[in-house]
C-alpha cells in the first residue's frame, strides 16, 4: 500500500496535535507569522477552535510576544517584531565575542562597499530601479545586499547594547 502525501500530512498533523497543547500550537503559528492573521486562520493552522485561538492570541499579546493590527472589523495577530529583534540581538551577544562582532561589522561594511562599487549605486533600492527582469545575478546580489544590510544593523545594535550594558554595570 502506497501512502499519498495527503496521508502523510494528515499523520504529521495528528502527531503534532497529540504531542502539543493547543496553546503550544497557537504559539508556534504566531511565532511564524510575519503578516497579521485572523484568529480563524490561526485556529485552522493550529488545529484548534477559533475561540481557543483568540483566547491564546490575547494571552500572547498580553505577554508581549504578539501584537495586533486591525483590518476593518477583524483583529489580526502577528509576532511582535521588537521582541524578535531583541531576541536576535541578545542571541548574537551571547554567541559572538566582541572582537568577532567588530570583525563581522567590518566585513559586512566592506561587502556593502563592494556592491556599491560594482553597481555604482548607494542602496539596494536604487539598484532595484536599474535592474531588468532577466538580470538574475543582479537580483541575487540585491537580495544578498539587503540581507547584509539587515545583518549589519543587528550586529551594530548588539554592539551598542553590549556597550550600554558595560556602562551601566560600572
C-alpha atoms as a PDB file:
ATOM      1  CA  UNK A   1       0.000   0.000   0.000  1.00  0.00           C
ATOM      2  CA  UNK A   2       1.422   3.355  -1.048  1.00  0.00           C
ATOM      3  CA  UNK A   3       0.769   6.345   1.160  1.00  0.00           C
ATOM      4  CA  UNK A   4      -0.121   9.590  -0.549  1.00  0.00           C
ATOM      5  CA  UNK A   5       1.262  12.958   0.502  1.00  0.00           C
ATOM      6  CA  UNK A   6      -2.156  13.803   1.947  1.00  0.00           C
ATOM      7  CA  UNK A   7      -1.981  10.732   4.188  1.00  0.00           C
ATOM      8  CA  UNK A   8       1.491  11.691   5.379  1.00  0.00           C
ATOM      9  CA  UNK A   9       0.437  15.291   6.016  1.00  0.00           C
ATOM     10  CA  UNK A  10      -2.601  14.161   7.968  1.00  0.00           C
ATOM     11  CA  UNK A  11      -0.441  11.855  10.080  1.00  0.00           C
ATOM     12  CA  UNK A  12       2.030  14.666  10.796  1.00  0.00           C
ATOM     13  CA  UNK A  13      -0.846  16.927  11.843  1.00  0.00           C
ATOM     14  CA  UNK A  14      -2.288  14.196  14.078  1.00  0.00           C
ATOM     15  CA  UNK A  15       1.099  13.593  15.705  1.00  0.00           C
ATOM     16  CA  UNK A  16       1.591  17.340  16.239  1.00  0.00           C
ATOM     17  CA  UNK A  17      -1.839  17.593  17.831  1.00  0.00           C
ATOM     18  CA  UNK A  18      -1.147  14.604  20.092  1.00  0.00           C
ATOM     19  CA  UNK A  19       2.281  15.893  21.157  1.00  0.00           C
ATOM     20  CA  UNK A  20       1.383  19.525  21.916  1.00  0.00           C
ATOM     21  CA  UNK A  21      -1.163  21.582  23.797  1.00  0.00           C
ATOM     22  CA  UNK A  22      -3.497  23.977  21.999  1.00  0.00           C
ATOM     23  CA  UNK A  23      -1.524  26.908  23.460  1.00  0.00           C
ATOM     24  CA  UNK A  24       1.780  25.490  22.140  1.00  0.00           C
ATOM     25  CA  UNK A  25       0.313  25.122  18.659  1.00  0.00           C
ATOM     26  CA  UNK A  26      -1.087  28.658  18.613  1.00  0.00           C
ATOM     27  CA  UNK A  27       2.264  29.939  19.915  1.00  0.00           C
ATOM     28  CA  UNK A  28       4.129  28.122  17.109  1.00  0.00           C
ATOM     29  CA  UNK A  29       1.826  29.531  14.445  1.00  0.00           C
ATOM     30  CA  UNK A  30       2.054  33.097  15.763  1.00  0.00           C
ATOM     31  CA  UNK A  31       5.836  32.747  16.042  1.00  0.00           C
ATOM     32  CA  UNK A  32       5.928  32.076  12.283  1.00  0.00           C
ATOM     33  CA  UNK A  33       3.525  34.914  11.440  1.00  0.00           C
ATOM     34  CA  UNK A  34       5.169  37.978   9.889  1.00  0.00           C
ATOM     35  CA  UNK A  35       1.965  39.452   8.493  1.00  0.00           C
ATOM     36  CA  UNK A  36      -1.130  39.627  10.617  1.00  0.00           C
ATOM     37  CA  UNK A  37      -3.555  36.719  10.526  1.00  0.00           C
ATOM     38  CA  UNK A  38      -7.062  36.424  11.891  1.00  0.00           C
ATOM     39  CA  UNK A  39      -7.888  34.163  14.819  1.00  0.00           C
ATOM     40  CA  UNK A  40      -9.845  31.979  12.385  1.00  0.00           C
ATOM     41  CA  UNK A  41      -6.804  31.460  10.154  1.00  0.00           C
ATOM     42  CA  UNK A  42      -4.545  30.796  13.155  1.00  0.00           C
ATOM     43  CA  UNK A  43      -7.145  28.358  14.531  1.00  0.00           C
ATOM     44  CA  UNK A  44      -7.206  26.457  11.260  1.00  0.00           C
ATOM     45  CA  UNK A  45      -3.418  26.189  11.114  1.00  0.00           C
ATOM     46  CA  UNK A  46      -3.081  25.350  14.840  1.00  0.00           C
ATOM     47  CA  UNK A  47      -5.835  22.722  14.763  1.00  0.00           C
ATOM     48  CA  UNK A  48      -7.915  24.461  17.435  1.00  0.00           C
ATOM     49  CA  UNK A  49     -11.277  26.213  17.552  1.00  0.00           C
ATOM     50  CA  UNK A  50     -11.474  29.909  16.759  1.00  0.00           C
ATOM     51  CA  UNK A  51     -12.408  30.899  20.363  1.00  0.00           C
ATOM     52  CA  UNK A  52      -9.409  28.894  21.641  1.00  0.00           C
ATOM     53  CA  UNK A  53      -7.087  30.571  19.141  1.00  0.00           C
ATOM     54  CA  UNK A  54      -8.447  34.019  20.030  1.00  0.00           C
ATOM     55  CA  UNK A  55      -8.020  33.366  23.780  1.00  0.00           C
ATOM     56  CA  UNK A  56      -4.412  32.179  23.353  1.00  0.00           C
ATOM     57  CA  UNK A  57      -3.601  35.019  20.943  1.00  0.00           C
ATOM     58  CA  UNK A  58      -4.860  37.533  23.521  1.00  0.00           C
ATOM     59  CA  UNK A  59      -2.591  35.901  26.103  1.00  0.00           C
ATOM     60  CA  UNK A  60       0.362  36.198  23.702  1.00  0.00           C
ATOM     61  CA  UNK A  61      -0.463  39.876  23.139  1.00  0.00           C
ATOM     62  CA  UNK A  62      -0.691  40.488  26.911  1.00  0.00           C
ATOM     63  CA  UNK A  63       2.748  38.924  27.440  1.00  0.00           C
ATOM     64  CA  UNK A  64       4.293  40.992  24.625  1.00  0.00           C
ATOM     65  CA  UNK A  65       5.015  38.032  22.372  1.00  0.00           C
ATOM     66  CA  UNK A  66       2.398  39.045  19.807  1.00  0.00           C
ATOM     67  CA  UNK A  67       0.853  42.264  18.596  1.00  0.00           C
ATOM     68  CA  UNK A  68      -2.375  43.157  16.850  1.00  0.00           C
ATOM     69  CA  UNK A  69      -3.490  45.285  13.954  1.00  0.00           C
ATOM     70  CA  UNK A  70      -6.960  45.985  12.645  1.00  0.00           C
ATOM     71  CA  UNK A  71      -8.235  45.127   9.189  1.00  0.00           C
ATOM     72  CA  UNK A  72     -11.671  46.665   9.254  1.00  0.00           C
ATOM     73  CA  UNK A  73     -13.581  44.762  11.937  1.00  0.00           C
ATOM     74  CA  UNK A  74     -11.058  41.906  12.031  1.00  0.00           C
ATOM     75  CA  UNK A  75      -8.224  41.761  14.546  1.00  0.00           C
ATOM     76  CA  UNK A  76      -5.049  40.361  13.035  1.00  0.00           C
ATOM     77  CA  UNK A  77      -2.346  38.778  15.196  1.00  0.00           C
ATOM     78  CA  UNK A  78       1.371  38.504  14.453  1.00  0.00           C
ATOM     79  CA  UNK A  79       4.581  38.048  16.343  1.00  0.00           C
ATOM     80  CA  UNK A  80       5.972  41.166  17.990  1.00  0.00           C
ATOM     81  CA  UNK A  81       8.760  42.368  15.702  1.00  0.00           C
ATOM     82  CA  UNK A  82      10.519  44.288  18.503  1.00  0.00           C
ATOM     83  CA  UNK A  83      10.688  41.122  20.586  1.00  0.00           C
ATOM     84  CA  UNK A  84      12.119  39.182  17.658  1.00  0.00           C
ATOM     85  CA  UNK A  85      14.755  41.862  17.096  1.00  0.00           C
ATOM     86  CA  UNK A  86      15.753  41.944  20.773  1.00  0.00           C
ATOM     87  CA  UNK A  87      15.992  38.149  20.801  1.00  0.00           C
ATOM     88  CA  UNK A  88      18.346  38.270  17.801  1.00  0.00           C
ATOM     89  CA  UNK A  89      20.466  40.949  19.481  1.00  0.00           C
ATOM     90  CA  UNK A  90      20.702  39.023  22.763  1.00  0.00           C
ATOM     91  CA  UNK A  91      21.487  35.784  20.929  1.00  0.00           C
ATOM     92  CA  UNK A  92      24.260  37.478  18.982  1.00  0.00           C
ATOM     93  CA  UNK A  93      25.739  38.979  22.159  1.00  0.00           C
ATOM     94  CA  UNK A  94      25.810  35.548  23.807  1.00  0.00           C
ATOM     95  CA  UNK A  95      27.221  33.607  20.842  1.00  0.00           C
ATOM     96  CA  UNK A  96      29.821  36.007  19.459  1.00  0.00           C
ATOM     97  CA  UNK A  97      32.711  37.687  21.232  1.00  0.00           C
ATOM     98  CA  UNK A  98      33.178  41.447  20.983  1.00  0.00           C
ATOM     99  CA  UNK A  99      36.248  41.129  18.698  1.00  0.00           C
ATOM    100  CA  UNK A 100      34.341  38.693  16.439  1.00  0.00           C
ATOM    101  CA  UNK A 101      31.435  41.113  16.309  1.00  0.00           C
ATOM    102  CA  UNK A 102      33.716  44.020  15.373  1.00  0.00           C
ATOM    103  CA  UNK A 103      35.395  41.936  12.646  1.00  0.00           C
ATOM    104  CA  UNK A 104      32.000  40.881  11.321  1.00  0.00           C
ATOM    105  CA  UNK A 105      30.824  44.501  11.203  1.00  0.00           C
ATOM    106  CA  UNK A 106      33.932  45.492   9.233  1.00  0.00           C
ATOM    107  CA  UNK A 107      33.419  42.573   6.822  1.00  0.00           C
ATOM    108  CA  UNK A 108      29.774  43.481   6.231  1.00  0.00           C
ATOM    109  CA  UNK A 109      30.646  47.147   5.623  1.00  0.00           C
ATOM    110  CA  UNK A 110      33.280  46.054   3.085  1.00  0.00           C
ATOM    111  CA  UNK A 111      30.762  43.780   1.371  1.00  0.00           C
ATOM    112  CA  UNK A 112      28.289  46.659   1.098  1.00  0.00           C
ATOM    113  CA  UNK A 113      31.001  48.898  -0.404  1.00  0.00           C
ATOM    114  CA  UNK A 114      31.714  46.191  -2.999  1.00  0.00           C
ATOM    115  CA  UNK A 115      28.040  46.196  -4.034  1.00  0.00           C
ATOM    116  CA  UNK A 116      28.051  49.994  -4.222  1.00  0.00           C
ATOM    117  CA  UNK A 117      31.188  49.966  -6.371  1.00  0.00           C
ATOM    118  CA  UNK A 118      30.088  47.076  -8.589  1.00  0.00           C
ATOM    119  CA  UNK A 119      26.731  48.632  -9.456  1.00  0.00           C
ATOM    120  CA  UNK A 120      27.654  52.316  -8.949  1.00  0.00           C
ATOM    121  CA  UNK A 121      24.641  52.906  -6.690  1.00  0.00           C
ATOM    122  CA  UNK A 122      24.330  53.634  -2.982  1.00  0.00           C
ATOM    123  CA  UNK A 123      21.468  51.326  -1.998  1.00  0.00           C
ATOM    124  CA  UNK A 124      19.705  48.114  -2.957  1.00  0.00           C
ATOM    125  CA  UNK A 125      16.584  50.182  -3.630  1.00  0.00           C
ATOM    126  CA  UNK A 126      18.463  52.225  -6.232  1.00  0.00           C
ATOM    127  CA  UNK A 127      19.822  49.010  -7.764  1.00  0.00           C
ATOM    128  CA  UNK A 128      16.288  47.574  -7.992  1.00  0.00           C
ATOM    129  CA  UNK A 129      15.241  50.552 -10.119  1.00  0.00           C
ATOM    130  CA  UNK A 130      18.051  49.855 -12.585  1.00  0.00           C
ATOM    131  CA  UNK A 131      17.782  46.085 -12.982  1.00  0.00           C
ATOM    132  CA  UNK A 132      15.983  44.393 -15.846  1.00  0.00           C
ATOM    133  CA  UNK A 133      13.750  41.436 -15.022  1.00  0.00           C
ATOM    134  CA  UNK A 134      16.139  38.917 -16.604  1.00  0.00           C
ATOM    135  CA  UNK A 135      19.285  40.012 -14.708  1.00  0.00           C
ATOM    136  CA  UNK A 136      19.465  37.024 -12.374  1.00  0.00           C
ATOM    137  CA  UNK A 137      22.884  37.859 -10.900  1.00  0.00           C
ATOM    138  CA  UNK A 138      21.811  41.411 -10.179  1.00  0.00           C
ATOM    139  CA  UNK A 139      18.650  40.314  -8.384  1.00  0.00           C
ATOM    140  CA  UNK A 140      20.625  37.738  -6.385  1.00  0.00           C
ATOM    141  CA  UNK A 141      23.112  40.454  -5.386  1.00  0.00           C
ATOM    142  CA  UNK A 142      20.243  42.764  -4.469  1.00  0.00           C
ATOM    143  CA  UNK A 143      18.843  40.145  -2.101  1.00  0.00           C
ATOM    144  CA  UNK A 144      22.270  39.469  -0.594  1.00  0.00           C
ATOM    145  CA  UNK A 145      22.889  43.211  -0.200  1.00  0.00           C
ATOM    146  CA  UNK A 146      19.599  43.693   1.642  1.00  0.00           C
ATOM    147  CA  UNK A 147      20.372  40.738   3.900  1.00  0.00           C
ATOM    148  CA  UNK A 148      23.862  42.082   4.623  1.00  0.00           C
ATOM    149  CA  UNK A 149      22.393  45.480   5.481  1.00  0.00           C
ATOM    150  CA  UNK A 150      19.898  43.864   7.881  1.00  0.00           C
ATOM    151  CA  UNK A 151      22.605  41.735   9.488  1.00  0.00           C
ATOM    152  CA  UNK A 152      24.851  44.792   9.831  1.00  0.00           C
ATOM    153  CA  UNK A 153      22.083  46.710  11.595  1.00  0.00           C
ATOM    154  CA  UNK A 154      21.532  43.836  14.034  1.00  0.00           C
ATOM    155  CA  UNK A 155      25.279  43.455  14.651  1.00  0.00           C
ATOM    156  CA  UNK A 156      25.649  47.195  15.291  1.00  0.00           C
ATOM    157  CA  UNK A 157      22.656  47.101  17.648  1.00  0.00           C
ATOM    158  CA  UNK A 158      24.203  44.149  19.511  1.00  0.00           C
ATOM    159  CA  UNK A 159      27.467  46.083  19.837  1.00  0.00           C
ATOM    160  CA  UNK A 160      25.648  49.175  21.121  1.00  0.00           C
ATOM    161  CA  UNK A 161      23.610  47.036  23.526  1.00  0.00           C
ATOM    162  CA  UNK A 162      26.825  45.418  24.787  1.00  0.00           C
ATOM    163  CA  UNK A 163      28.483  48.813  25.291  1.00  0.00           C
ATOM    164  CA  UNK A 164      25.439  50.187  27.118  1.00  0.00           C
ATOM    165  CA  UNK A 165      25.338  47.099  29.359  1.00  0.00           C
ATOM    166  CA  UNK A 166      29.005  47.573  30.285  1.00  0.00           C
ATOM    167  CA  UNK A 167      28.471  51.275  31.009  1.00  0.00           C
ATOM    168  CA  UNK A 168      25.500  50.562  33.264  1.00  0.00           C
ATOM    169  CA  UNK A 169      27.491  47.913  35.144  1.00  0.00           C
ATOM    170  CA  UNK A 170      30.216  50.429  36.035  1.00  0.00           C
END
